[in-house]
Amino acid sequence: MNKIKVHPNVAAASLALPAAEEKGEAVSLTVWRRSLLFNGKGFTVFDTNGNLVFRVETHSRGSPREVVLMDAHGVAILTVRRKKLSLAEEWLVYDGDGDEPAPRRFTARRNRSLLRTKSLARLSPPRSLDGTGDAPGCRYDVEGSYAGRSLDMFACTSCASGGNQRQRVATVSRKEAAVGPDVFRLMVEPDLEPALAMAVVILLDQMNAS
């Protein structure tokens, strides 16, 4: 059996995503469910040219309640943290390394409905300052199967008429080559930050591990 060889080009990584975003093009990423560190756990993410774009590195002794998404140079972009002492399964997504006063971007909840549904999780904006409701912003719904590496992420916004608009903004699918479930494709539309799409992958991995 042939082993997968990965040769990241870190130097060009900082140029890969901005170029596609400026053109308004979808970004195709290859996600490898493995850390570049020896004996580490996490993810390594490449663009179509093999440039390293994102990485997640955790150690077996590290806390499973917090995962940091970094760029190719190790700078923290987003932090995914499981909420403590919550009756519901909730995760919080912060900017940067998540240290105070890092703003919270989203609260993510795992769907535990007894009804048959494709919905896996929902990301909602943080509560408004007066605590009466969600702050204005876009909500995201995730549907499909993480185990099967077949996912759709939808952006949901309120309409003036009172309804909701849904737009597919990212998808996860298996790679064409039979390389197993640990290597898959993440396609991100221009309307979504690639980092946020990767944070959703981290969230689902955490939810399925819990």
N, C-alpha and C. Protein backbone atom coordinates (compact mmCIF):
# COMPACT_ATOMS: atom_id res chain seq x y z
N MET A 1 0.85 -1.20 0.00
CA MET A 1 0.00 0.00 0.00
C MET A 1 0.88 1.25 0.00
N ASN A 2 0.63 2.16 -0.90
CA ASN A 2 1.42 3.38 -1.00
C ASN A 2 1.07 4.35 0.11
N LYS A 3 2.07 4.96 0.69
CA LYS A 3 1.83 5.96 1.72
C LYS A 3 1.63 7.32 1.08
N ILE A 4 0.82 8.14 1.74
CA ILE A 4 0.59 9.49 1.25
C ILE A 4 1.78 10.36 1.62
N LYS A 5 2.35 11.02 0.65
CA LYS A 5 3.47 11.91 0.91
C LYS A 5 3.00 13.35 0.86
N VAL A 6 3.37 14.10 1.87
CA VAL A 6 2.95 15.49 1.96
C VAL A 6 4.18 16.37 2.04
N HIS A 7 4.28 17.33 1.15
CA HIS A 7 5.44 18.23 1.13
C HIS A 7 4.93 19.67 1.14
N PRO A 8 4.64 20.24 2.32
CA PRO A 8 4.09 21.58 2.38
C PRO A 8 5.07 22.64 1.94
N ASN A 9 4.54 23.63 1.23
CA ASN A 9 5.33 24.78 0.82
C ASN A 9 4.89 25.96 1.68
N VAL A 10 5.54 26.13 2.83
CA VAL A 10 5.13 27.15 3.80
C VAL A 10 5.35 28.55 3.27
N ALA A 11 6.40 28.77 2.52
CA ALA A 11 6.74 30.11 2.06
C ALA A 11 5.65 30.73 1.22
N ALA A 12 4.98 29.93 0.40
CA ALA A 12 3.95 30.45 -0.51
C ALA A 12 2.56 30.44 0.10
N ALA A 13 2.43 29.91 1.31
CA ALA A 13 1.10 29.73 1.88
C ALA A 13 0.36 31.04 2.09
N SER A 14 1.08 32.08 2.49
CA SER A 14 0.42 33.35 2.77
C SER A 14 -0.17 33.99 1.53
N LEU A 15 0.24 33.55 0.35
CA LEU A 15 -0.25 34.12 -0.90
C LEU A 15 -1.40 33.32 -1.49
N ALA A 16 -1.63 32.12 -1.00
CA ALA A 16 -2.56 31.20 -1.65
C ALA A 16 -4.01 31.64 -1.52
N LEU A 17 -4.49 31.84 -0.29
CA LEU A 17 -5.89 32.17 -0.10
C LEU A 17 -6.25 33.58 -0.55
N PRO A 18 -5.46 34.62 -0.23
CA PRO A 18 -5.84 35.96 -0.69
C PRO A 18 -6.01 36.06 -2.19
N ALA A 19 -5.19 35.35 -2.96
CA ALA A 19 -5.29 35.42 -4.42
C ALA A 19 -6.65 34.93 -4.90
N ALA A 20 -7.12 33.82 -4.36
CA ALA A 20 -8.42 33.28 -4.76
C ALA A 20 -9.55 34.17 -4.27
N GLU A 21 -9.43 34.70 -3.05
CA GLU A 21 -10.50 35.52 -2.48
C GLU A 21 -10.65 36.83 -3.26
N GLU A 22 -9.53 37.40 -3.70
CA GLU A 22 -9.60 38.65 -4.45
C GLU A 22 -10.31 38.45 -5.78
N LYS A 23 -10.19 37.27 -6.36
CA LYS A 23 -10.85 36.97 -7.62
C LYS A 23 -12.31 36.55 -7.44
N GLY A 24 -12.75 36.42 -6.19
CA GLY A 24 -14.11 35.99 -5.94
C GLY A 24 -14.35 34.54 -6.31
N GLU A 25 -13.31 33.71 -6.18
CA GLU A 25 -13.40 32.30 -6.56
C GLU A 25 -13.57 31.42 -5.32
N ALA A 26 -14.17 30.25 -5.53
CA ALA A 26 -14.25 29.27 -4.46
C ALA A 26 -12.84 28.75 -4.17
N VAL A 27 -12.59 28.42 -2.91
CA VAL A 27 -11.28 27.92 -2.49
C VAL A 27 -11.40 26.42 -2.24
N SER A 28 -10.54 25.65 -2.90
CA SER A 28 -10.52 24.20 -2.71
C SER A 28 -9.33 23.84 -1.83
N LEU A 29 -9.62 23.18 -0.71
CA LEU A 29 -8.59 22.81 0.24
C LEU A 29 -8.58 21.29 0.45
N THR A 30 -7.41 20.76 0.67
CA THR A 30 -7.27 19.36 1.04
C THR A 30 -6.96 19.28 2.53
N VAL A 31 -7.79 18.57 3.26
CA VAL A 31 -7.64 18.45 4.71
C VAL A 31 -7.07 17.08 5.04
N TRP A 32 -6.00 17.09 5.77
CA TRP A 32 -5.35 15.86 6.21
C TRP A 32 -5.52 15.78 7.72
N ARG A 33 -6.18 14.77 8.19
CA ARG A 33 -6.47 14.65 9.62
C ARG A 33 -5.26 14.07 10.34
N ARG A 34 -4.22 14.88 10.35
CA ARG A 34 -2.98 14.50 11.02
C ARG A 34 -2.15 15.76 11.24
N SER A 35 -1.45 15.78 12.36
CA SER A 35 -0.57 16.91 12.67
C SER A 35 0.78 16.71 12.01
N LEU A 36 1.47 17.82 11.74
CA LEU A 36 2.83 17.75 11.24
C LEU A 36 3.82 17.40 12.34
N LEU A 37 3.38 17.51 13.61
CA LEU A 37 4.25 17.18 14.73
C LEU A 37 4.30 15.67 14.95
N PHE A 38 5.46 15.19 15.32
CA PHE A 38 5.60 13.77 15.64
C PHE A 38 4.80 13.46 16.91
N ASN A 39 4.00 12.41 16.86
CA ASN A 39 3.15 11.99 17.98
C ASN A 39 2.09 13.03 18.32
N GLY A 40 1.82 13.94 17.42
CA GLY A 40 0.79 14.93 17.66
C GLY A 40 -0.52 14.54 16.99
N LYS A 41 -1.58 15.24 17.38
CA LYS A 41 -2.88 15.04 16.77
C LYS A 41 -3.32 16.38 16.19
N GLY A 42 -4.21 16.35 15.20
CA GLY A 42 -4.70 17.60 14.66
C GLY A 42 -5.04 17.49 13.19
N PHE A 43 -4.84 18.61 12.47
CA PHE A 43 -5.14 18.69 11.05
C PHE A 43 -4.04 19.46 10.34
N THR A 44 -3.84 19.13 9.07
CA THR A 44 -2.95 19.88 8.19
C THR A 44 -3.73 20.16 6.92
N VAL A 45 -3.77 21.41 6.48
CA VAL A 45 -4.63 21.82 5.36
C VAL A 45 -3.79 22.47 4.27
N PHE A 46 -4.01 22.03 3.02
CA PHE A 46 -3.24 22.51 1.88
C PHE A 46 -4.16 23.07 0.80
N ASP A 47 -3.62 23.97 -0.02
CA ASP A 47 -4.38 24.43 -1.17
C ASP A 47 -4.09 23.51 -2.36
N THR A 48 -4.61 23.87 -3.53
CA THR A 48 -4.47 22.99 -4.70
C THR A 48 -3.04 22.88 -5.22
N ASN A 49 -2.17 23.82 -4.80
CA ASN A 49 -0.77 23.77 -5.22
C ASN A 49 0.13 23.09 -4.19
N GLY A 50 -0.48 22.55 -3.14
CA GLY A 50 0.30 21.89 -2.10
C GLY A 50 0.86 22.83 -1.07
N ASN A 51 0.43 24.10 -1.07
CA ASN A 51 0.90 25.07 -0.07
C ASN A 51 0.17 24.86 1.25
N LEU A 52 0.90 24.87 2.32
CA LEU A 52 0.31 24.75 3.65
C LEU A 52 -0.48 26.02 3.97
N VAL A 53 -1.76 25.85 4.35
CA VAL A 53 -2.64 26.99 4.61
C VAL A 53 -3.01 27.09 6.09
N PHE A 54 -3.49 25.99 6.67
CA PHE A 54 -3.87 25.94 8.09
C PHE A 54 -3.25 24.72 8.73
N ARG A 55 -3.14 24.79 10.06
CA ARG A 55 -2.72 23.61 10.81
C ARG A 55 -3.31 23.64 12.21
N VAL A 56 -3.53 22.47 12.73
CA VAL A 56 -4.02 22.28 14.09
C VAL A 56 -3.11 21.25 14.73
N GLU A 57 -2.51 21.60 15.84
CA GLU A 57 -1.57 20.71 16.49
C GLU A 57 -1.91 20.58 17.97
N THR A 58 -2.24 19.38 18.39
CA THR A 58 -2.52 19.12 19.80
C THR A 58 -1.72 17.90 20.22
N HIS A 59 -1.42 17.83 21.49
CA HIS A 59 -0.70 16.68 22.03
C HIS A 59 -1.68 15.79 22.78
N SER A 60 -1.32 14.55 22.93
CA SER A 60 -2.21 13.59 23.60
C SER A 60 -2.54 14.01 25.02
N ARG A 61 -1.62 14.78 25.66
CA ARG A 61 -1.86 15.24 27.02
C ARG A 61 -2.59 16.58 27.06
N GLY A 62 -2.79 17.19 25.91
CA GLY A 62 -3.47 18.48 25.87
C GLY A 62 -4.95 18.36 26.16
N SER A 63 -5.56 19.48 26.51
CA SER A 63 -6.99 19.48 26.82
C SER A 63 -7.81 19.29 25.57
N PRO A 64 -8.73 18.30 25.55
CA PRO A 64 -9.59 18.12 24.38
C PRO A 64 -10.68 19.17 24.30
N ARG A 65 -10.78 20.02 25.32
CA ARG A 65 -11.83 21.03 25.34
C ARG A 65 -11.47 22.27 24.54
N GLU A 66 -10.24 22.40 24.11
CA GLU A 66 -9.83 23.59 23.38
C GLU A 66 -8.90 23.22 22.23
N VAL A 67 -9.24 23.72 21.03
CA VAL A 67 -8.42 23.47 19.85
C VAL A 67 -8.19 24.81 19.15
N VAL A 68 -6.95 25.07 18.75
CA VAL A 68 -6.60 26.34 18.11
C VAL A 68 -6.27 26.10 16.64
N LEU A 69 -6.95 26.83 15.77
CA LEU A 69 -6.66 26.80 14.34
C LEU A 69 -5.62 27.87 14.04
N MET A 70 -4.51 27.44 13.44
CA MET A 70 -3.40 28.35 13.15
C MET A 70 -3.17 28.48 11.65
N ASP A 71 -2.51 29.56 11.25
CA ASP A 71 -2.10 29.67 9.85
C ASP A 71 -0.81 28.88 9.65
N ALA A 72 -0.24 28.96 8.46
CA ALA A 72 0.95 28.15 8.15
C ALA A 72 2.14 28.49 9.02
N HIS A 73 2.16 29.71 9.58
CA HIS A 73 3.30 30.15 10.37
C HIS A 73 3.07 30.00 11.87
N GLY A 74 1.96 29.37 12.25
CA GLY A 74 1.70 29.11 13.65
C GLY A 74 0.97 30.22 14.38
N VAL A 75 0.43 31.20 13.67
CA VAL A 75 -0.31 32.29 14.29
C VAL A 75 -1.77 31.85 14.50
N ALA A 76 -2.28 32.02 15.71
CA ALA A 76 -3.64 31.59 16.02
C ALA A 76 -4.66 32.44 15.26
N ILE A 77 -5.61 31.77 14.62
CA ILE A 77 -6.67 32.45 13.87
C ILE A 77 -7.99 32.36 14.61
N LEU A 78 -8.38 31.14 14.97
CA LEU A 78 -9.63 30.91 15.69
C LEU A 78 -9.40 29.84 16.75
N THR A 79 -10.13 29.95 17.84
CA THR A 79 -10.07 28.95 18.91
C THR A 79 -11.44 28.34 19.11
N VAL A 80 -11.51 27.02 19.13
CA VAL A 80 -12.75 26.28 19.37
C VAL A 80 -12.67 25.70 20.78
N ARG A 81 -13.60 26.09 21.64
CA ARG A 81 -13.55 25.70 23.06
C ARG A 81 -14.89 25.14 23.50
N ARG A 82 -14.85 23.98 24.11
CA ARG A 82 -16.09 23.39 24.60
C ARG A 82 -16.53 24.13 25.87
N LYS A 83 -17.81 24.44 25.92
CA LYS A 83 -18.35 25.19 27.05
C LYS A 83 -18.48 24.29 28.27
N LYS A 84 -18.02 24.78 29.41
CA LYS A 84 -18.09 24.02 30.64
C LYS A 84 -19.46 24.17 31.31
N LEU A 85 -19.83 23.16 32.09
CA LEU A 85 -21.03 23.21 32.94
C LEU A 85 -22.27 23.62 32.16
N SER A 86 -22.44 23.03 30.98
CA SER A 86 -23.61 23.34 30.16
C SER A 86 -24.44 22.08 30.00
N LEU A 87 -25.79 22.21 30.16
CA LEU A 87 -26.67 21.06 29.98
C LEU A 87 -26.68 20.61 28.53
N ALA A 88 -26.56 21.58 27.63
CA ALA A 88 -26.50 21.25 26.20
C ALA A 88 -25.04 21.10 25.78
N GLU A 89 -24.80 20.37 24.70
CA GLU A 89 -23.44 20.26 24.16
C GLU A 89 -23.16 21.51 23.34
N GLU A 90 -22.34 22.40 23.89
CA GLU A 90 -22.06 23.67 23.25
C GLU A 90 -20.56 23.89 23.14
N TRP A 91 -20.18 24.53 22.04
CA TRP A 91 -18.80 24.94 21.82
C TRP A 91 -18.79 26.41 21.48
N LEU A 92 -17.75 27.12 21.87
CA LEU A 92 -17.61 28.54 21.61
C LEU A 92 -16.45 28.76 20.65
N VAL A 93 -16.64 29.65 19.69
CA VAL A 93 -15.61 29.96 18.70
C VAL A 93 -15.14 31.39 18.93
N TYR A 94 -13.85 31.56 19.21
CA TYR A 94 -13.25 32.86 19.49
C TYR A 94 -12.26 33.25 18.40
N ASP A 95 -12.03 34.54 18.27
CA ASP A 95 -10.95 35.02 17.43
C ASP A 95 -9.61 34.75 18.11
N GLY A 96 -8.58 34.55 17.32
CA GLY A 96 -7.23 34.41 17.86
C GLY A 96 -7.07 33.21 18.76
N ASP A 97 -6.29 33.39 19.83
CA ASP A 97 -6.01 32.28 20.74
C ASP A 97 -7.06 32.12 21.82
N GLY A 98 -8.11 32.94 21.77
CA GLY A 98 -9.22 32.79 22.71
C GLY A 98 -9.00 33.42 24.06
N ASP A 99 -7.82 34.03 24.30
CA ASP A 99 -7.57 34.68 25.58
C ASP A 99 -8.36 35.98 25.67
N GLU A 100 -8.74 36.34 26.87
CA GLU A 100 -9.45 37.60 27.07
C GLU A 100 -8.58 38.77 26.63
N PRO A 101 -9.13 39.80 26.01
CA PRO A 101 -10.57 39.96 25.69
C PRO A 101 -10.92 39.54 24.26
N ALA A 102 -10.51 38.39 23.83
CA ALA A 102 -10.81 37.95 22.47
C ALA A 102 -12.32 37.87 22.26
N PRO A 103 -12.82 38.49 21.19
CA PRO A 103 -14.28 38.46 20.95
C PRO A 103 -14.76 37.07 20.57
N ARG A 104 -15.94 36.71 21.04
CA ARG A 104 -16.53 35.43 20.67
C ARG A 104 -17.27 35.60 19.36
N ARG A 105 -17.02 34.71 18.41
CA ARG A 105 -17.63 34.79 17.11
C ARG A 105 -18.97 34.04 17.04
N PHE A 106 -18.97 32.82 17.59
CA PHE A 106 -20.16 31.99 17.48
C PHE A 106 -20.30 31.06 18.68
N THR A 107 -21.54 30.64 18.91
CA THR A 107 -21.83 29.52 19.79
C THR A 107 -22.33 28.38 18.91
N ALA A 108 -21.73 27.21 19.04
CA ALA A 108 -22.11 26.06 18.23
C ALA A 108 -22.80 25.02 19.10
N ARG A 109 -23.90 24.49 18.59
CA ARG A 109 -24.65 23.47 19.33
C ARG A 109 -24.84 22.23 18.47
N ARG A 110 -24.63 21.10 19.06
CA ARG A 110 -24.83 19.84 18.35
C ARG A 110 -26.32 19.51 18.33
N ASN A 111 -26.80 19.03 17.19
CA ASN A 111 -28.20 18.67 17.06
C ASN A 111 -28.43 17.30 17.68
N ARG A 112 -29.30 17.25 18.69
CA ARG A 112 -29.61 16.00 19.37
C ARG A 112 -31.07 15.62 19.20
N SER A 113 -31.70 16.05 18.13
CA SER A 113 -33.10 15.76 17.89
C SER A 113 -33.32 14.26 17.69
N LEU A 114 -34.44 13.74 18.24
CA LEU A 114 -34.80 12.34 18.07
C LEU A 114 -35.40 12.08 16.69
N LEU A 115 -35.79 13.15 16.00
CA LEU A 115 -36.36 13.01 14.68
C LEU A 115 -35.25 12.80 13.65
N ARG A 116 -35.57 12.08 12.60
CA ARG A 116 -34.59 11.87 11.54
C ARG A 116 -34.36 13.19 10.81
N THR A 117 -33.14 13.62 10.81
CA THR A 117 -32.80 14.90 10.19
C THR A 117 -31.36 14.87 9.70
N LYS A 118 -31.07 15.66 8.68
CA LYS A 118 -29.71 15.76 8.18
C LYS A 118 -28.89 16.77 8.97
N SER A 119 -29.56 17.55 9.83
CA SER A 119 -28.88 18.60 10.56
C SER A 119 -27.93 18.02 11.61
N LEU A 120 -26.68 18.49 11.61
CA LEU A 120 -25.69 18.04 12.57
C LEU A 120 -25.39 19.09 13.64
N ALA A 121 -25.32 20.33 13.22
CA ALA A 121 -24.93 21.38 14.16
C ALA A 121 -25.40 22.73 13.63
N ARG A 122 -25.43 23.69 14.56
CA ARG A 122 -25.81 25.06 14.21
C ARG A 122 -24.87 26.02 14.90
N LEU A 123 -24.41 27.03 14.15
CA LEU A 123 -23.57 28.09 14.71
C LEU A 123 -24.37 29.38 14.73
N SER A 124 -24.48 29.98 15.90
CA SER A 124 -25.25 31.21 16.06
C SER A 124 -24.35 32.33 16.54
N PRO A 125 -24.64 33.58 16.15
CA PRO A 125 -23.87 34.72 16.65
C PRO A 125 -24.02 34.82 18.16
N PRO A 126 -23.10 35.50 18.84
CA PRO A 126 -23.21 35.65 20.29
C PRO A 126 -24.43 36.45 20.67
N ARG A 127 -24.87 36.30 21.91
CA ARG A 127 -26.03 37.03 22.39
C ARG A 127 -25.78 38.53 22.38
N SER A 128 -26.84 39.29 22.22
CA SER A 128 -26.72 40.74 22.24
C SER A 128 -26.31 41.21 23.63
N LEU A 129 -25.86 42.44 23.70
CA LEU A 129 -25.34 42.95 24.97
C LEU A 129 -26.37 42.97 26.08
N ASP A 130 -27.67 43.14 25.74
CA ASP A 130 -28.68 43.17 26.78
C ASP A 130 -29.21 41.77 27.11
N GLY A 131 -28.69 40.74 26.40
CA GLY A 131 -29.05 39.37 26.71
C GLY A 131 -30.43 38.95 26.25
N THR A 132 -31.08 39.76 25.41
CA THR A 132 -32.45 39.45 25.01
C THR A 132 -32.52 38.62 23.73
N GLY A 133 -31.44 38.46 23.04
CA GLY A 133 -31.50 37.70 21.80
C GLY A 133 -30.15 37.66 21.11
N ASP A 134 -30.10 37.00 19.97
CA ASP A 134 -28.86 36.92 19.23
C ASP A 134 -28.49 38.26 18.62
N ALA A 135 -27.22 38.55 18.60
CA ALA A 135 -26.76 39.75 17.94
C ALA A 135 -26.99 39.61 16.44
N PRO A 136 -27.13 40.73 15.73
CA PRO A 136 -27.33 40.64 14.28
C PRO A 136 -26.16 39.91 13.63
N GLY A 137 -26.46 39.09 12.69
CA GLY A 137 -25.41 38.35 12.01
C GLY A 137 -25.96 37.13 11.32
N CYS A 138 -25.08 36.40 10.71
CA CYS A 138 -25.47 35.23 9.93
C CYS A 138 -25.37 33.98 10.79
N ARG A 139 -26.37 33.11 10.68
CA ARG A 139 -26.34 31.83 11.35
C ARG A 139 -25.91 30.77 10.33
N TYR A 140 -25.27 29.73 10.80
CA TYR A 140 -24.83 28.67 9.90
C TYR A 140 -25.39 27.32 10.35
N ASP A 141 -25.90 26.56 9.40
CA ASP A 141 -26.38 25.21 9.65
C ASP A 141 -25.49 24.23 8.91
N VAL A 142 -25.20 23.10 9.55
CA VAL A 142 -24.37 22.06 8.94
C VAL A 142 -25.20 20.79 8.82
N GLU A 143 -25.21 20.21 7.63
CA GLU A 143 -26.01 19.01 7.37
C GLU A 143 -25.14 17.95 6.70
N GLY A 144 -25.55 16.68 6.88
CA GLY A 144 -24.85 15.58 6.20
C GLY A 144 -24.28 14.58 7.17
N SER A 145 -23.13 14.02 6.81
CA SER A 145 -22.47 12.99 7.62
C SER A 145 -20.99 13.30 7.73
N TYR A 146 -20.52 13.54 8.96
CA TYR A 146 -19.09 13.77 9.13
C TYR A 146 -18.31 12.48 8.96
N ALA A 147 -18.83 11.38 9.49
CA ALA A 147 -18.16 10.08 9.35
C ALA A 147 -18.00 9.70 7.88
N GLY A 148 -19.01 10.05 7.05
CA GLY A 148 -18.95 9.77 5.63
C GLY A 148 -18.25 10.82 4.82
N ARG A 149 -17.77 11.89 5.51
CA ARG A 149 -17.10 13.02 4.85
C ARG A 149 -17.98 13.56 3.71
N SER A 150 -19.23 13.80 4.03
CA SER A 150 -20.19 14.36 3.07
C SER A 150 -21.04 15.40 3.82
N LEU A 151 -20.65 16.67 3.69
CA LEU A 151 -21.26 17.74 4.48
C LEU A 151 -21.58 18.95 3.61
N ASP A 152 -22.63 19.65 4.02
CA ASP A 152 -22.98 20.94 3.43
C ASP A 152 -23.14 21.95 4.56
N MET A 153 -22.58 23.14 4.37
CA MET A 153 -22.72 24.22 5.33
C MET A 153 -23.51 25.34 4.67
N PHE A 154 -24.57 25.78 5.35
CA PHE A 154 -25.47 26.79 4.80
C PHE A 154 -25.42 28.04 5.67
N ALA A 155 -25.39 29.21 5.01
CA ALA A 155 -25.54 30.48 5.69
C ALA A 155 -27.02 30.83 5.70
N CYS A 156 -27.54 31.20 6.85
CA CYS A 156 -28.97 31.51 7.00
C CYS A 156 -29.12 32.94 7.49
N THR A 157 -29.83 33.74 6.73
CA THR A 157 -30.08 35.13 7.09
C THR A 157 -31.57 35.41 7.05
N SER A 158 -32.01 36.35 7.87
CA SER A 158 -33.43 36.71 7.93
C SER A 158 -33.79 37.64 6.79
N CYS A 159 -34.98 37.44 6.24
CA CYS A 159 -35.48 38.29 5.15
C CYS A 159 -36.41 39.36 5.72
N ALA A 160 -36.59 40.41 4.95
CA ALA A 160 -37.49 41.47 5.36
C ALA A 160 -38.93 40.97 5.48
N SER A 161 -39.27 39.95 4.72
CA SER A 161 -40.62 39.39 4.74
C SER A 161 -40.88 38.50 5.94
N GLY A 162 -39.83 38.23 6.71
CA GLY A 162 -39.99 37.42 7.91
C GLY A 162 -39.46 36.00 7.76
N GLY A 163 -39.11 35.58 6.57
CA GLY A 163 -38.58 34.24 6.36
C GLY A 163 -37.06 34.21 6.45
N ASN A 164 -36.49 33.08 6.07
CA ASN A 164 -35.04 32.92 6.08
C ASN A 164 -34.53 32.55 4.69
N GLN A 165 -33.37 33.05 4.37
CA GLN A 165 -32.68 32.67 3.14
C GLN A 165 -31.52 31.74 3.48
N ARG A 166 -31.37 30.66 2.70
CA ARG A 166 -30.28 29.72 2.93
C ARG A 166 -29.41 29.65 1.69
N GLN A 167 -28.12 29.73 1.91
CA GLN A 167 -27.17 29.67 0.81
C GLN A 167 -26.04 28.71 1.19
N ARG A 168 -25.74 27.74 0.31
CA ARG A 168 -24.64 26.83 0.58
C ARG A 168 -23.33 27.58 0.44
N VAL A 169 -22.50 27.51 1.48
CA VAL A 169 -21.25 28.27 1.48
C VAL A 169 -20.01 27.39 1.60
N ALA A 170 -20.19 26.11 1.91
CA ALA A 170 -19.04 25.21 1.99
C ALA A 170 -19.52 23.78 1.91
N THR A 171 -18.65 22.91 1.41
CA THR A 171 -18.95 21.48 1.34
C THR A 171 -17.70 20.68 1.71
N VAL A 172 -17.95 19.52 2.27
CA VAL A 172 -16.89 18.55 2.55
C VAL A 172 -17.21 17.30 1.75
N SER A 173 -16.21 16.74 1.06
CA SER A 173 -16.43 15.54 0.27
C SER A 173 -15.17 14.70 0.27
N ARG A 174 -15.33 13.45 -0.06
CA ARG A 174 -14.17 12.56 -0.16
C ARG A 174 -13.32 12.92 -1.38
N LYS A 175 -12.05 12.67 -1.28
CA LYS A 175 -11.17 12.86 -2.43
C LYS A 175 -11.43 11.75 -3.44
N GLU A 176 -11.13 12.05 -4.70
CA GLU A 176 -11.37 11.06 -5.75
C GLU A 176 -10.55 9.80 -5.52
N ALA A 177 -9.30 9.95 -5.15
CA ALA A 177 -8.44 8.79 -4.89
C ALA A 177 -8.86 8.11 -3.59
N ALA A 178 -8.73 6.81 -3.55
CA ALA A 178 -9.13 6.05 -2.36
C ALA A 178 -8.03 6.16 -1.30
N VAL A 179 -8.01 7.30 -0.60
CA VAL A 179 -6.96 7.54 0.40
C VAL A 179 -7.49 7.41 1.81
N GLY A 180 -8.75 7.03 1.98
CA GLY A 180 -9.31 6.85 3.31
C GLY A 180 -9.96 8.12 3.83
N PRO A 181 -10.65 8.01 4.98
CA PRO A 181 -11.42 9.14 5.52
C PRO A 181 -10.58 10.25 6.13
N ASP A 182 -9.28 10.01 6.33
CA ASP A 182 -8.45 11.03 6.97
C ASP A 182 -7.94 12.09 6.00
N VAL A 183 -8.20 11.93 4.71
CA VAL A 183 -7.85 12.94 3.72
C VAL A 183 -9.11 13.25 2.92
N PHE A 184 -9.55 14.51 2.96
CA PHE A 184 -10.79 14.86 2.27
C PHE A 184 -10.72 16.29 1.75
N ARG A 185 -11.72 16.66 0.95
CA ARG A 185 -11.74 17.97 0.32
C ARG A 185 -12.70 18.91 1.05
N LEU A 186 -12.26 20.14 1.24
CA LEU A 186 -13.10 21.21 1.79
C LEU A 186 -13.20 22.30 0.74
N MET A 187 -14.40 22.51 0.20
CA MET A 187 -14.62 23.54 -0.81
C MET A 187 -15.36 24.70 -0.16
N VAL A 188 -14.78 25.90 -0.25
CA VAL A 188 -15.33 27.07 0.43
C VAL A 188 -15.70 28.13 -0.61
N GLU A 189 -16.96 28.56 -0.58
CA GLU A 189 -17.42 29.58 -1.51
C GLU A 189 -16.90 30.96 -1.10
N PRO A 190 -16.91 31.93 -2.04
CA PRO A 190 -16.33 33.25 -1.75
C PRO A 190 -16.99 34.00 -0.60
N ASP A 191 -18.25 33.65 -0.27
CA ASP A 191 -18.97 34.37 0.78
C ASP A 191 -18.58 33.94 2.19
N LEU A 192 -17.70 32.96 2.33
CA LEU A 192 -17.34 32.45 3.65
C LEU A 192 -15.83 32.48 3.84
N GLU A 193 -15.40 32.81 5.07
CA GLU A 193 -13.98 32.75 5.40
C GLU A 193 -13.52 31.29 5.41
N PRO A 194 -12.46 30.94 4.70
CA PRO A 194 -11.95 29.57 4.75
C PRO A 194 -11.61 29.13 6.17
N ALA A 195 -11.12 30.05 7.00
CA ALA A 195 -10.79 29.69 8.38
C ALA A 195 -12.02 29.27 9.16
N LEU A 196 -13.15 29.95 8.94
CA LEU A 196 -14.37 29.60 9.64
C LEU A 196 -14.88 28.23 9.18
N ALA A 197 -14.76 27.97 7.87
CA ALA A 197 -15.16 26.65 7.37
C ALA A 197 -14.32 25.56 8.00
N MET A 198 -13.02 25.80 8.17
CA MET A 198 -12.16 24.81 8.80
C MET A 198 -12.49 24.68 10.29
N ALA A 199 -12.89 25.77 10.93
CA ALA A 199 -13.31 25.70 12.33
C ALA A 199 -14.53 24.79 12.49
N VAL A 200 -15.42 24.81 11.49
CA VAL A 200 -16.59 23.92 11.52
C VAL A 200 -16.15 22.46 11.43
N VAL A 201 -15.15 22.17 10.61
CA VAL A 201 -14.61 20.81 10.53
C VAL A 201 -14.07 20.38 11.90
N ILE A 202 -13.36 21.28 12.56
CA ILE A 202 -12.83 21.00 13.89
C ILE A 202 -13.97 20.73 14.86
N LEU A 203 -15.01 21.56 14.79
CA LEU A 203 -16.16 21.38 15.67
C LEU A 203 -16.78 20.00 15.51
N LEU A 204 -17.02 19.60 14.26
CA LEU A 204 -17.65 18.31 14.01
C LEU A 204 -16.74 17.17 14.47
N ASP A 205 -15.45 17.33 14.31
CA ASP A 205 -14.53 16.30 14.78
C ASP A 205 -14.61 16.19 16.31
N GLN A 206 -14.71 17.34 16.99
CA GLN A 206 -14.85 17.33 18.44
C GLN A 206 -16.18 16.72 18.87
N MET A 207 -17.24 17.07 18.15
CA MET A 207 -18.57 16.54 18.50
C MET A 207 -18.64 15.03 18.33
N ASN A 208 -17.99 14.54 17.30
CA ASN A 208 -18.02 13.10 17.06
C ASN A 208 -17.09 12.33 17.99
N ALA A 209 -16.15 13.04 18.57
CA ALA A 209 -15.23 12.39 19.52
C ALA A 209 -15.79 12.39 20.93
N SER A 210 -16.83 13.22 21.16
CA SER A 210 -17.36 13.35 22.52
C SER A 210 -18.32 12.23 22.85
